[in-house]
């Protein structure tokens, strides 16, 4: 119960302070790691799922820099969230000029 509250509280603070671009975003995995190390597997799975859901929501629905409430997601957000996750999480590989075929000079 306390670890789920910690996860939700941390996700709320991350949402208000920059979302996935916040450098403290990695702290979100701490409650899931503690749950995996100390709780039965069923409870750890619940905490891990909550952490995954919170991180996906932080990625898909960021708070805009102008403040206030975010605009609703576009109608086709269910098809676009993997692209959003890959672009905001910086997991996309970017080719360097040497891999494209240019020789280094």
PDB file of N, CA and C in Angstrom:
ATOM      1  N   UNK A   1       0.820  -1.186   0.000  1.00  0.00           N
ATOM      2  CA  UNK A   1       0.000   0.000   0.000  1.00  0.00           C
ATOM      3  C   UNK A   1       0.872   1.261   0.000  1.00  0.00           C
ATOM      4  N   UNK A   2       1.887   1.281   0.846  1.00  0.00           N
ATOM      5  CA  UNK A   2       2.745   2.465   0.915  1.00  0.00           C
ATOM      6  C   UNK A   2       3.554   2.636  -0.361  1.00  0.00           C
ATOM      7  N   UNK A   3       4.020   1.542  -0.949  1.00  0.00           N
ATOM      8  CA  UNK A   3       4.807   1.660  -2.176  1.00  0.00           C
ATOM      9  C   UNK A   3       3.961   2.123  -3.342  1.00  0.00           C
ATOM     10  N   UNK A   4       2.691   1.730  -3.378  1.00  0.00           N
ATOM     11  CA  UNK A   4       1.819   2.222  -4.446  1.00  0.00           C
ATOM     12  C   UNK A   4       1.548   3.712  -4.255  1.00  0.00           C
ATOM     13  N   UNK A   5       1.380   4.147  -3.017  1.00  0.00           N
ATOM     14  CA  UNK A   5       1.215   5.572  -2.752  1.00  0.00           C
ATOM     15  C   UNK A   5       2.485   6.341  -3.135  1.00  0.00           C
ATOM     16  N   UNK A   6       3.644   5.794  -2.813  1.00  0.00           N
ATOM     17  CA  UNK A   6       4.903   6.439  -3.191  1.00  0.00           C
ATOM     18  C   UNK A   6       5.022   6.570  -4.711  1.00  0.00           C
ATOM     19  N   UNK A   7       4.626   5.526  -5.429  1.00  0.00           N
ATOM     20  CA  UNK A   7       4.689   5.559  -6.890  1.00  0.00           C
ATOM     21  C   UNK A   7       3.762   6.634  -7.450  1.00  0.00           C
ATOM     22  N   UNK A   8       2.533   6.684  -6.945  1.00  0.00           N
ATOM     23  CA  UNK A   8       1.583   7.684  -7.432  1.00  0.00           C
ATOM     24  C   UNK A   8       2.011   9.103  -7.059  1.00  0.00           C
ATOM     25  N   UNK A   9       2.535   9.267  -5.861  1.00  0.00           N
ATOM     26  CA  UNK A   9       2.989  10.582  -5.433  1.00  0.00           C
ATOM     27  C   UNK A   9       4.177  11.051  -6.278  1.00  0.00           C
ATOM     28  N   UNK A  10       5.111  10.183  -6.519  1.00  0.00           N
ATOM     29  CA  UNK A  10       6.268  10.537  -7.330  1.00  0.00           C
ATOM     30  C   UNK A  10       5.860  10.817  -8.775  1.00  0.00           C
ATOM     31  N   UNK A  11       4.926  10.043  -9.307  1.00  0.00           N
ATOM     32  CA  UNK A  11       4.444  10.293 -10.667  1.00  0.00           C
ATOM     33  C   UNK A  11       3.752  11.645 -10.748  1.00  0.00           C
ATOM     34  N   UNK A  12       2.987  12.000  -9.726  1.00  0.00           N
ATOM     35  CA  UNK A  12       2.338  13.317  -9.716  1.00  0.00           C
ATOM     36  C   UNK A  12       3.342  14.450  -9.662  1.00  0.00           C
ATOM     37  N   UNK A  13       4.369  14.301  -8.835  1.00  0.00           N
ATOM     38  CA  UNK A  13       5.395  15.353  -8.767  1.00  0.00           C
ATOM     39  C   UNK A  13       6.181  15.447 -10.077  1.00  0.00           C
ATOM     40  N   UNK A  14       6.473  14.303 -10.680  1.00  0.00           N
ATOM     41  CA  UNK A  14       7.170  14.328 -11.961  1.00  0.00           C
ATOM     42  C   UNK A  14       6.308  14.960 -13.045  1.00  0.00           C
ATOM     43  N   UNK A  15       5.010  14.704 -13.011  1.00  0.00           N
ATOM     44  CA  UNK A  15       4.098  15.292 -13.990  1.00  0.00           C
ATOM     45  C   UNK A  15       4.109  16.814 -13.896  1.00  0.00           C
ATOM     46  N   UNK A  16       4.122  17.334 -12.680  1.00  0.00           N
ATOM     47  CA  UNK A  16       4.081  18.782 -12.499  1.00  0.00           C
ATOM     48  C   UNK A  16       5.431  19.452 -12.726  1.00  0.00           C
ATOM     49  N   UNK A  17       6.513  18.697 -12.729  1.00  0.00           N
ATOM     50  CA  UNK A  17       7.843  19.307 -12.840  1.00  0.00           C
ATOM     51  C   UNK A  17       8.598  18.889 -14.095  1.00  0.00           C
ATOM     52  N   UNK A  18       7.905  18.535 -15.153  1.00  0.00           N
ATOM     53  CA  UNK A  18       8.593  18.283 -16.402  1.00  0.00           C
ATOM     54  C   UNK A  18       8.361  16.920 -17.005  1.00  0.00           C
ATOM     55  N   UNK A  19       7.719  16.017 -16.297  1.00  0.00           N
ATOM     56  CA  UNK A  19       7.408  14.707 -16.863  1.00  0.00           C
ATOM     57  C   UNK A  19       8.648  13.870 -17.103  1.00  0.00           C
ATOM     58  N   UNK A  20       8.692  13.252 -18.265  1.00  0.00           N
ATOM     59  CA  UNK A  20       9.772  12.323 -18.578  1.00  0.00           C
ATOM     60  C   UNK A  20      11.104  13.047 -18.814  1.00  0.00           C
ATOM     61  N   UNK A  21      11.055  14.363 -19.029  1.00  0.00           N
ATOM     62  CA  UNK A  21      12.294  15.112 -19.241  1.00  0.00           C
ATOM     63  C   UNK A  21      12.967  15.504 -17.931  1.00  0.00           C
ATOM     64  N   UNK A  22      12.324  15.269 -16.802  1.00  0.00           N
ATOM     65  CA  UNK A  22      12.896  15.573 -15.505  1.00  0.00           C
ATOM     66  C   UNK A  22      14.049  14.607 -15.228  1.00  0.00           C
ATOM     67  N   UNK A  23      15.194  15.114 -14.758  1.00  0.00           N
ATOM     68  CA  UNK A  23      16.322  14.212 -14.502  1.00  0.00           C
ATOM     69  C   UNK A  23      16.060  13.231 -13.352  1.00  0.00           C
ATOM     70  N   UNK A  24      15.073  13.485 -12.513  1.00  0.00           N
ATOM     71  CA  UNK A  24      14.752  12.586 -11.410  1.00  0.00           C
ATOM     72  C   UNK A  24      13.739  11.514 -11.821  1.00  0.00           C
ATOM     73  N   UNK A  25      13.501  11.370 -13.105  1.00  0.00           N
ATOM     74  CA  UNK A  25      12.547  10.401 -13.621  1.00  0.00           C
ATOM     75  C   UNK A  25      12.934   8.967 -13.242  1.00  0.00           C
ATOM     76  N   UNK A  26      14.204   8.702 -13.133  1.00  0.00           N
ATOM     77  CA  UNK A  26      14.660   7.350 -12.798  1.00  0.00           C
ATOM     78  C   UNK A  26      14.291   6.933 -11.375  1.00  0.00           C
ATOM     79  N   UNK A  27      13.957   7.889 -10.516  1.00  0.00           N
ATOM     80  CA  UNK A  27      13.526   7.537  -9.162  1.00  0.00           C
ATOM     81  C   UNK A  27      12.208   6.773  -9.165  1.00  0.00           C
ATOM     82  N   UNK A  28      11.490   6.818 -10.272  1.00  0.00           N
ATOM     83  CA  UNK A  28      10.216   6.119 -10.363  1.00  0.00           C
ATOM     84  C   UNK A  28      10.392   4.602 -10.271  1.00  0.00           C
ATOM     85  N   UNK A  29      11.559   4.100 -10.603  1.00  0.00           N
ATOM     86  CA  UNK A  29      11.763   2.653 -10.532  1.00  0.00           C
ATOM     87  C   UNK A  29      12.101   2.172  -9.126  1.00  0.00           C
ATOM     88  N   UNK A  30      12.414   3.079  -8.207  1.00  0.00           N
ATOM     89  CA  UNK A  30      12.799   2.670  -6.856  1.00  0.00           C
ATOM     90  C   UNK A  30      11.697   1.899  -6.122  1.00  0.00           C
ATOM     91  N   UNK A  31      10.446   2.365  -6.107  1.00  0.00           N
ATOM     92  CA  UNK A  31       9.416   1.564  -5.428  1.00  0.00           C
ATOM     93  C   UNK A  31       9.211   0.192  -6.068  1.00  0.00           C
ATOM     94  N   UNK A  32       9.335   0.097  -7.388  1.00  0.00           N
ATOM     95  CA  UNK A  32       9.165  -1.198  -8.055  1.00  0.00           C
ATOM     96  C   UNK A  32      10.306  -2.147  -7.697  1.00  0.00           C
ATOM     97  N   UNK A  33      11.509  -1.637  -7.597  1.00  0.00           N
ATOM     98  CA  UNK A  33      12.650  -2.474  -7.220  1.00  0.00           C
ATOM     99  C   UNK A  33      12.518  -2.937  -5.772  1.00  0.00           C
ATOM    100  N   UNK A  34      12.112  -2.029  -4.891  1.00  0.00           N
ATOM    101  CA  UNK A  34      11.906  -2.418  -3.495  1.00  0.00           C
ATOM    102  C   UNK A  34      10.796  -3.457  -3.369  1.00  0.00           C
ATOM    103  N   UNK A  35       9.729  -3.299  -4.134  1.00  0.00           N
ATOM    104  CA  UNK A  35       8.639  -4.273  -4.094  1.00  0.00           C
ATOM    105  C   UNK A  35       9.108  -5.631  -4.592  1.00  0.00           C
ATOM    106  N   UNK A  36       9.897  -5.645  -5.650  1.00  0.00           N
ATOM    107  CA  UNK A  36      10.393  -6.908  -6.187  1.00  0.00           C
ATOM    108  C   UNK A  36      11.329  -7.611  -5.209  1.00  0.00           C
ATOM    109  N   UNK A  37      12.048  -6.841  -4.413  1.00  0.00           N
ATOM    110  CA  UNK A  37      13.005  -7.432  -3.483  1.00  0.00           C
ATOM    111  C   UNK A  37      12.368  -7.884  -2.170  1.00  0.00           C
ATOM    112  N   UNK A  38      11.251  -7.272  -1.771  1.00  0.00           N
ATOM    113  CA  UNK A  38      10.740  -7.540  -0.438  1.00  0.00           C
ATOM    114  C   UNK A  38       9.334  -8.134  -0.382  1.00  0.00           C
ATOM    115  N   UNK A  39       8.519  -7.947  -1.397  1.00  0.00           N
ATOM    116  CA  UNK A  39       7.122  -8.380  -1.346  1.00  0.00           C
ATOM    117  C   UNK A  39       6.911  -9.687  -2.106  1.00  0.00           C
ATOM    118  N   UNK A  40       5.795 -10.347  -1.864  1.00  0.00           N
ATOM    119  CA  UNK A  40       5.455 -11.514  -2.678  1.00  0.00           C
ATOM    120  C   UNK A  40       5.270 -11.107  -4.142  1.00  0.00           C
ATOM    121  N   UNK A  41       5.422 -12.065  -5.019  1.00  0.00           N
ATOM    122  CA  UNK A  41       5.441 -11.742  -6.451  1.00  0.00           C
ATOM    123  C   UNK A  41       4.151 -11.095  -6.934  1.00  0.00           C
ATOM    124  N   UNK A  42       3.014 -11.460  -6.370  1.00  0.00           N
ATOM    125  CA  UNK A  42       1.744 -10.868  -6.808  1.00  0.00           C
ATOM    126  C   UNK A  42       1.712  -9.373  -6.494  1.00  0.00           C
ATOM    127  N   UNK A  43       2.160  -8.992  -5.312  1.00  0.00           N
ATOM    128  CA  UNK A  43       2.173  -7.583  -4.928  1.00  0.00           C
ATOM    129  C   UNK A  43       3.227  -6.813  -5.720  1.00  0.00           C
ATOM    130  N   UNK A  44       4.356  -7.441  -5.954  1.00  0.00           N
ATOM    131  CA  UNK A  44       5.404  -6.793  -6.746  1.00  0.00           C
ATOM    132  C   UNK A  44       4.942  -6.562  -8.176  1.00  0.00           C
ATOM    133  N   UNK A  45       4.164  -7.482  -8.717  1.00  0.00           N
ATOM    134  CA  UNK A  45       3.628  -7.320 -10.073  1.00  0.00           C
ATOM    135  C   UNK A  45       2.660  -6.149 -10.142  1.00  0.00           C
ATOM    136  N   UNK A  46       1.878  -5.951  -9.107  1.00  0.00           N
ATOM    137  CA  UNK A  46       0.948  -4.817  -9.070  1.00  0.00           C
ATOM    138  C   UNK A  46       1.723  -3.505  -9.034  1.00  0.00           C
ATOM    139  N   UNK A  47       2.738  -3.417  -8.195  1.00  0.00           N
ATOM    140  CA  UNK A  47       3.550  -2.195  -8.107  1.00  0.00           C
ATOM    141  C   UNK A  47       4.297  -1.955  -9.415  1.00  0.00           C
ATOM    142  N   UNK A  48       4.826  -3.002 -10.018  1.00  0.00           N
ATOM    143  CA  UNK A  48       5.515  -2.854 -11.303  1.00  0.00           C
ATOM    144  C   UNK A  48       4.572  -2.400 -12.403  1.00  0.00           C
ATOM    145  N   UNK A  49       3.361  -2.920 -12.422  1.00  0.00           N
ATOM    146  CA  UNK A  49       2.378  -2.499 -13.419  1.00  0.00           C
ATOM    147  C   UNK A  49       1.979  -1.047 -13.210  1.00  0.00           C
ATOM    148  N   UNK A  50       1.834  -0.646 -11.957  1.00  0.00           N
ATOM    149  CA  UNK A  50       1.515   0.746 -11.654  1.00  0.00           C
ATOM    150  C   UNK A  50       2.644   1.672 -12.096  1.00  0.00           C
ATOM    151  N   UNK A  51       3.871   1.244 -11.891  1.00  0.00           N
ATOM    152  CA  UNK A  51       5.019   2.034 -12.327  1.00  0.00           C
ATOM    153  C   UNK A  51       5.058   2.144 -13.848  1.00  0.00           C
ATOM    154  N   UNK A  52       4.801   1.055 -14.536  1.00  0.00           N
ATOM    155  CA  UNK A  52       4.775   1.069 -15.996  1.00  0.00           C
ATOM    156  C   UNK A  52       3.665   1.980 -16.509  1.00  0.00           C
ATOM    157  N   UNK A  53       2.487   1.896 -15.924  1.00  0.00           N
ATOM    158  CA  UNK A  53       1.378   2.749 -16.332  1.00  0.00           C
ATOM    159  C   UNK A  53       1.689   4.217 -16.084  1.00  0.00           C
ATOM    160  N   UNK A  54       2.284   4.531 -14.939  1.00  0.00           N
ATOM    161  CA  UNK A  54       2.639   5.917 -14.634  1.00  0.00           C
ATOM    162  C   UNK A  54       3.673   6.451 -15.614  1.00  0.00           C
ATOM    163  N   UNK A  55       4.661   5.639 -15.954  1.00  0.00           N
ATOM    164  CA  UNK A  55       5.683   6.118 -16.890  1.00  0.00           C
ATOM    165  C   UNK A  55       5.113   6.292 -18.294  1.00  0.00           C
ATOM    166  N   UNK A  56       4.196   5.417 -18.701  1.00  0.00           N
ATOM    167  CA  UNK A  56       3.564   5.594 -20.012  1.00  0.00           C
ATOM    168  C   UNK A  56       2.707   6.847 -20.046  1.00  0.00           C
ATOM    169  N   UNK A  57       1.972   7.108 -18.971  1.00  0.00           N
ATOM    170  CA  UNK A  57       1.156   8.323 -18.938  1.00  0.00           C
ATOM    171  C   UNK A  57       2.020   9.579 -18.901  1.00  0.00           C
ATOM    172  N   UNK A  58       3.147   9.528 -18.210  1.00  0.00           N
ATOM    173  CA  UNK A  58       4.055  10.679 -18.207  1.00  0.00           C
ATOM    174  C   UNK A  58       4.639  10.921 -19.599  1.00  0.00           C
ATOM    175  N   UNK A  59       4.797   9.870 -20.364  1.00  0.00           N
ATOM    176  CA  UNK A  59       5.354  10.001 -21.703  1.00  0.00           C
ATOM    177  C   UNK A  59       4.317  10.509 -22.697  1.00  0.00           C
ATOM    178  N   UNK A  60       3.117   9.974 -22.625  1.00  0.00           N
ATOM    179  CA  UNK A  60       2.091  10.282 -23.617  1.00  0.00           C
ATOM    180  C   UNK A  60       1.412  11.619 -23.352  1.00  0.00           C
ATOM    181  N   UNK A  61       1.213  11.963 -22.088  1.00  0.00           N
ATOM    182  CA  UNK A  61       0.467  13.179 -21.752  1.00  0.00           C
ATOM    183  C   UNK A  61       1.309  14.127 -20.909  1.00  0.00           C
ATOM    184  N   UNK A  62       2.253  14.841 -21.498  1.00  0.00           N
ATOM    185  CA  UNK A  62       3.069  15.765 -20.712  1.00  0.00           C
ATOM    186  C   UNK A  62       2.295  17.043 -20.385  1.00  0.00           C
ATOM    187  N   UNK A  63       2.662  17.683 -19.301  1.00  0.00           N
ATOM    188  CA  UNK A  63       2.099  18.975 -18.946  1.00  0.00           C
ATOM    189  C   UNK A  63       2.790  20.028 -19.800  1.00  0.00           C
ATOM    190  N   UNK A  64       2.027  20.883 -20.432  1.00  0.00           N
ATOM    191  CA  UNK A  64       2.615  21.886 -21.315  1.00  0.00           C
ATOM    192  C   UNK A  64       3.362  22.932 -20.500  1.00  0.00           C
ATOM    193  N   UNK A  65       4.348  23.565 -21.108  1.00  0.00           N
ATOM    194  CA  UNK A  65       5.188  24.515 -20.399  1.00  0.00           C
ATOM    195  C   UNK A  65       4.444  25.785 -20.026  1.00  0.00           C
ATOM    196  N   UNK A  66       3.298  26.058 -20.650  1.00  0.00           N
ATOM    197  CA  UNK A  66       2.532  27.255 -20.334  1.00  0.00           C
ATOM    198  C   UNK A  66       1.784  27.147 -19.023  1.00  0.00           C
ATOM    199  N   UNK A  67       1.790  26.011 -18.403  1.00  0.00           N
ATOM    200  CA  UNK A  67       1.073  25.811 -17.152  1.00  0.00           C
ATOM    201  C   UNK A  67      -0.375  25.455 -17.421  1.00  0.00           C
ATOM    202  N   UNK A  68      -1.121  25.259 -16.383  1.00  0.00           N
ATOM    203  CA  UNK A  68      -2.521  24.904 -16.534  1.00  0.00           C
ATOM    204  C   UNK A  68      -2.701  23.440 -16.859  1.00  0.00           C
ATOM    205  N   UNK A  69      -3.903  23.082 -17.237  1.00  0.00           N
ATOM    206  CA  UNK A  69      -4.213  21.693 -17.547  1.00  0.00           C
ATOM    207  C   UNK A  69      -3.798  21.373 -18.963  1.00  0.00           C
ATOM    208  N   UNK A  70      -3.346  20.162 -19.208  1.00  0.00           N
ATOM    209  CA  UNK A  70      -2.949  19.798 -20.568  1.00  0.00           C
ATOM    210  C   UNK A  70      -4.173  19.647 -21.464  1.00  0.00           C
ATOM    211  N   UNK A  71      -3.964  19.844 -22.740  1.00  0.00           N
ATOM    212  CA  UNK A  71      -5.048  19.628 -23.683  1.00  0.00           C
ATOM    213  C   UNK A  71      -5.314  18.135 -23.796  1.00  0.00           C
ATOM    214  N   UNK A  72      -6.537  17.758 -24.164  1.00  0.00           N
ATOM    215  CA  UNK A  72      -6.812  16.321 -24.276  1.00  0.00           C
ATOM    216  C   UNK A  72      -5.979  15.690 -25.379  1.00  0.00           C
ATOM    217  N   UNK A  73      -5.719  14.401 -25.269  1.00  0.00           N
ATOM    218  CA  UNK A  73      -4.908  13.753 -26.307  1.00  0.00           C
ATOM    219  C   UNK A  73      -5.658  13.728 -27.633  1.00  0.00           C
ATOM    220  N   UNK A  74      -4.939  13.664 -28.746  1.00  0.00           N
ATOM    221  CA  UNK A  74      -5.616  13.591 -30.034  1.00  0.00           C
ATOM    222  C   UNK A  74      -6.438  12.306 -30.135  1.00  0.00           C
ATOM    223  N   UNK A  75      -7.375  12.298 -31.061  1.00  0.00           N
ATOM    224  CA  UNK A  75      -8.280  11.152 -31.164  1.00  0.00           C
ATOM    225  C   UNK A  75      -7.554   9.880 -31.568  1.00  0.00           C
ATOM    226  N   UNK A  76      -6.433   9.990 -32.234  1.00  0.00           N
ATOM    227  CA  UNK A  76      -5.706   8.792 -32.669  1.00  0.00           C
ATOM    228  C   UNK A  76      -4.482   8.525 -31.788  1.00  0.00           C
ATOM    229  N   UNK A  77      -4.549   8.895 -30.519  1.00  0.00           N
ATOM    230  CA  UNK A  77      -3.389   8.737 -29.645  1.00  0.00           C
ATOM    231  C   UNK A  77      -3.057   7.275 -29.400  1.00  0.00           C
ATOM    232  N   UNK A  78      -4.045   6.396 -29.500  1.00  0.00           N
ATOM    233  CA  UNK A  78      -3.776   4.973 -29.265  1.00  0.00           C
ATOM    234  C   UNK A  78      -2.858   4.400 -30.338  1.00  0.00           C
ATOM    235  N   UNK A  79      -2.935   4.942 -31.545  1.00  0.00           N
ATOM    236  CA  UNK A  79      -2.037   4.474 -32.607  1.00  0.00           C
ATOM    237  C   UNK A  79      -0.690   5.174 -32.555  1.00  0.00           C
ATOM    238  N   UNK A  80      -0.643   6.362 -31.951  1.00  0.00           N
ATOM    239  CA  UNK A  80       0.587   7.148 -31.981  1.00  0.00           C
ATOM    240  C   UNK A  80       1.429   7.045 -30.721  1.00  0.00           C
ATOM    241  N   UNK A  81       0.952   6.393 -29.652  1.00  0.00           N
ATOM    242  CA  UNK A  81       1.735   6.402 -28.418  1.00  0.00           C
ATOM    243  C   UNK A  81       3.057   5.667 -28.541  1.00  0.00           C
ATOM    244  N   UNK A  82       3.181   4.573 -29.333  1.00  0.00           N
ATOM    245  CA  UNK A  82       4.527   3.975 -29.436  1.00  0.00           C
ATOM    246  C   UNK A  82       5.534   4.935 -30.074  1.00  0.00           C
ATOM    247  N   UNK A  83       5.087   5.684 -31.076  1.00  0.00           N
ATOM    248  CA  UNK A  83       5.976   6.655 -31.711  1.00  0.00           C
ATOM    249  C   UNK A  83       6.344   7.746 -30.716  1.00  0.00           C
ATOM    250  N   UNK A  84       5.378   8.188 -29.921  1.00  0.00           N
ATOM    251  CA  UNK A  84       5.652   9.210 -28.923  1.00  0.00           C
ATOM    252  C   UNK A  84       6.622   8.691 -27.867  1.00  0.00           C
ATOM    253  N   UNK A  85       6.429   7.458 -27.449  1.00  0.00           N
ATOM    254  CA  UNK A  85       7.312   6.865 -26.448  1.00  0.00           C
ATOM    255  C   UNK A  85       8.740   6.765 -26.965  1.00  0.00           C
ATOM    256  N   UNK A  86       8.887   6.359 -28.204  1.00  0.00           N
ATOM    257  CA  UNK A  86      10.229   6.204 -28.760  1.00  0.00           C
ATOM    258  C   UNK A  86      10.906   7.545 -28.989  1.00  0.00           C
ATOM    259  N   UNK A  87      10.155   8.567 -29.376  1.00  0.00           N
ATOM    260  CA  UNK A  87      10.788   9.853 -29.650  1.00  0.00           C
ATOM    261  C   UNK A  87      11.098  10.610 -28.369  1.00  0.00           C
ATOM    262  N   UNK A  88      10.231  10.530 -27.357  1.00  0.00           N
ATOM    263  CA  UNK A  88      10.482  11.258 -26.111  1.00  0.00           C
ATOM    264  C   UNK A  88      11.463  10.523 -25.212  1.00  0.00           C
ATOM    265  N   UNK A  89      11.493   9.200 -25.302  1.00  0.00           N
ATOM    266  CA  UNK A  89      12.410   8.438 -24.480  1.00  0.00           C
ATOM    267  C   UNK A  89      13.816   8.403 -25.046  1.00  0.00           C
ATOM    268  N   UNK A  90      13.996   8.972 -26.212  1.00  0.00           N
ATOM    269  CA  UNK A  90      15.293   9.041 -26.879  1.00  0.00           C
ATOM    270  C   UNK A  90      15.883   7.647 -27.071  1.00  0.00           C
ATOM    271  N   UNK A  91      15.020   6.672 -27.380  1.00  0.00           N
ATOM    272  CA  UNK A  91      15.483   5.311 -27.620  1.00  0.00           C
ATOM    273  C   UNK A  91      15.728   5.076 -29.095  1.00  0.00           C
ATOM    274  N   UNK A  92      15.453   6.070 -29.907  1.00  0.00           N
ATOM    275  CA  UNK A  92      15.583   5.935 -31.342  1.00  0.00           C
ATOM    276  C   UNK A  92      17.055   6.079 -31.721  1.00  0.00           C
ATOM    277  N   UNK A  93      17.531   5.203 -32.576  1.00  0.00           N
ATOM    278  CA  UNK A  93      18.928   5.280 -33.018  1.00  0.00           C
ATOM    279  C   UNK A  93      19.061   6.339 -34.100  1.00  0.00           C
ATOM    280  N   UNK A  94      20.055   7.163 -33.985  1.00  0.00           N
ATOM    281  CA  UNK A  94      20.301   8.198 -34.990  1.00  0.00           C
ATOM    282  C   UNK A  94      21.598   7.864 -35.718  1.00  0.00           C
ATOM    283  N   UNK A  95      21.520   7.691 -37.019  1.00  0.00           N
ATOM    284  CA  UNK A  95      22.734   7.325 -37.748  1.00  0.00           C
ATOM    285  C   UNK A  95      23.718   8.484 -37.826  1.00  0.00           C
ATOM    286  N   UNK A  96      24.966   8.173 -37.724  1.00  0.00           N
ATOM    287  CA  UNK A  96      25.997   9.188 -37.871  1.00  0.00           C
ATOM    288  C   UNK A  96      26.373   9.290 -39.351  1.00  0.00           C
ATOM    289  N   UNK A  97      27.054  10.370 -39.744  1.00  0.00           N
ATOM    290  CA  UNK A  97      27.430  10.509 -41.153  1.00  0.00           C
ATOM    291  C   UNK A  97      28.286   9.347 -41.662  1.00  0.00           C
ATOM    292  N   UNK A  98      29.056   8.716 -40.786  1.00  0.00           N
ATOM    293  CA  UNK A  98      29.898   7.617 -41.259  1.00  0.00           C
ATOM    294  C   UNK A  98      29.096   6.366 -41.561  1.00  0.00           C
ATOM    295  N   UNK A  99      27.937   6.188 -40.918  1.00  0.00           N
ATOM    296  CA  UNK A  99      27.127   5.011 -41.188  1.00  0.00           C
ATOM    297  C   UNK A  99      26.259   5.173 -42.419  1.00  0.00           C
ATOM    298  N   UNK A 100      26.082   6.390 -42.877  1.00  0.00           N
ATOM    299  CA  UNK A 100      25.251   6.630 -44.053  1.00  0.00           C
ATOM    300  C   UNK A 100      26.036   6.344 -45.325  1.00  0.00           C
ATOM    301  N   UNK A 101      27.314   6.367 -45.277  1.00  0.00           N
ATOM    302  CA  UNK A 101      28.110   6.064 -46.455  1.00  0.00           C
ATOM    303  C   UNK A 101      29.216   7.088 -46.699  1.00  0.00           C
ATOM    304  N   UNK A 102      29.242   8.125 -45.894  1.00  0.00           N
ATOM    305  CA  UNK A 102      30.288   9.123 -46.056  1.00  0.00           C
ATOM    306  C   UNK A 102      31.532   8.645 -45.314  1.00  0.00           C
ATOM    307  N   UNK A 103      32.647   8.916 -45.897  1.00  0.00           N
ATOM    308  CA  UNK A 103      33.906   8.533 -45.249  1.00  0.00           C
ATOM    309  C   UNK A 103      34.374   9.681 -44.369  1.00  0.00           C
ATOM    310  N   UNK A 104      34.909   9.372 -43.195  1.00  0.00           N
ATOM    311  CA  UNK A 104      35.402  10.449 -42.335  1.00  0.00           C
ATOM    312  C   UNK A 104      36.635  11.094 -42.971  1.00  0.00           C
ATOM    313  N   UNK A 105      36.722  12.396 -42.807  1.00  0.00           N
ATOM    314  CA  UNK A 105      37.869  13.123 -43.400  1.00  0.00           C
ATOM    315  C   UNK A 105      38.839  13.597 -42.361  1.00  0.00           C
TER     316      UNK A 105
END
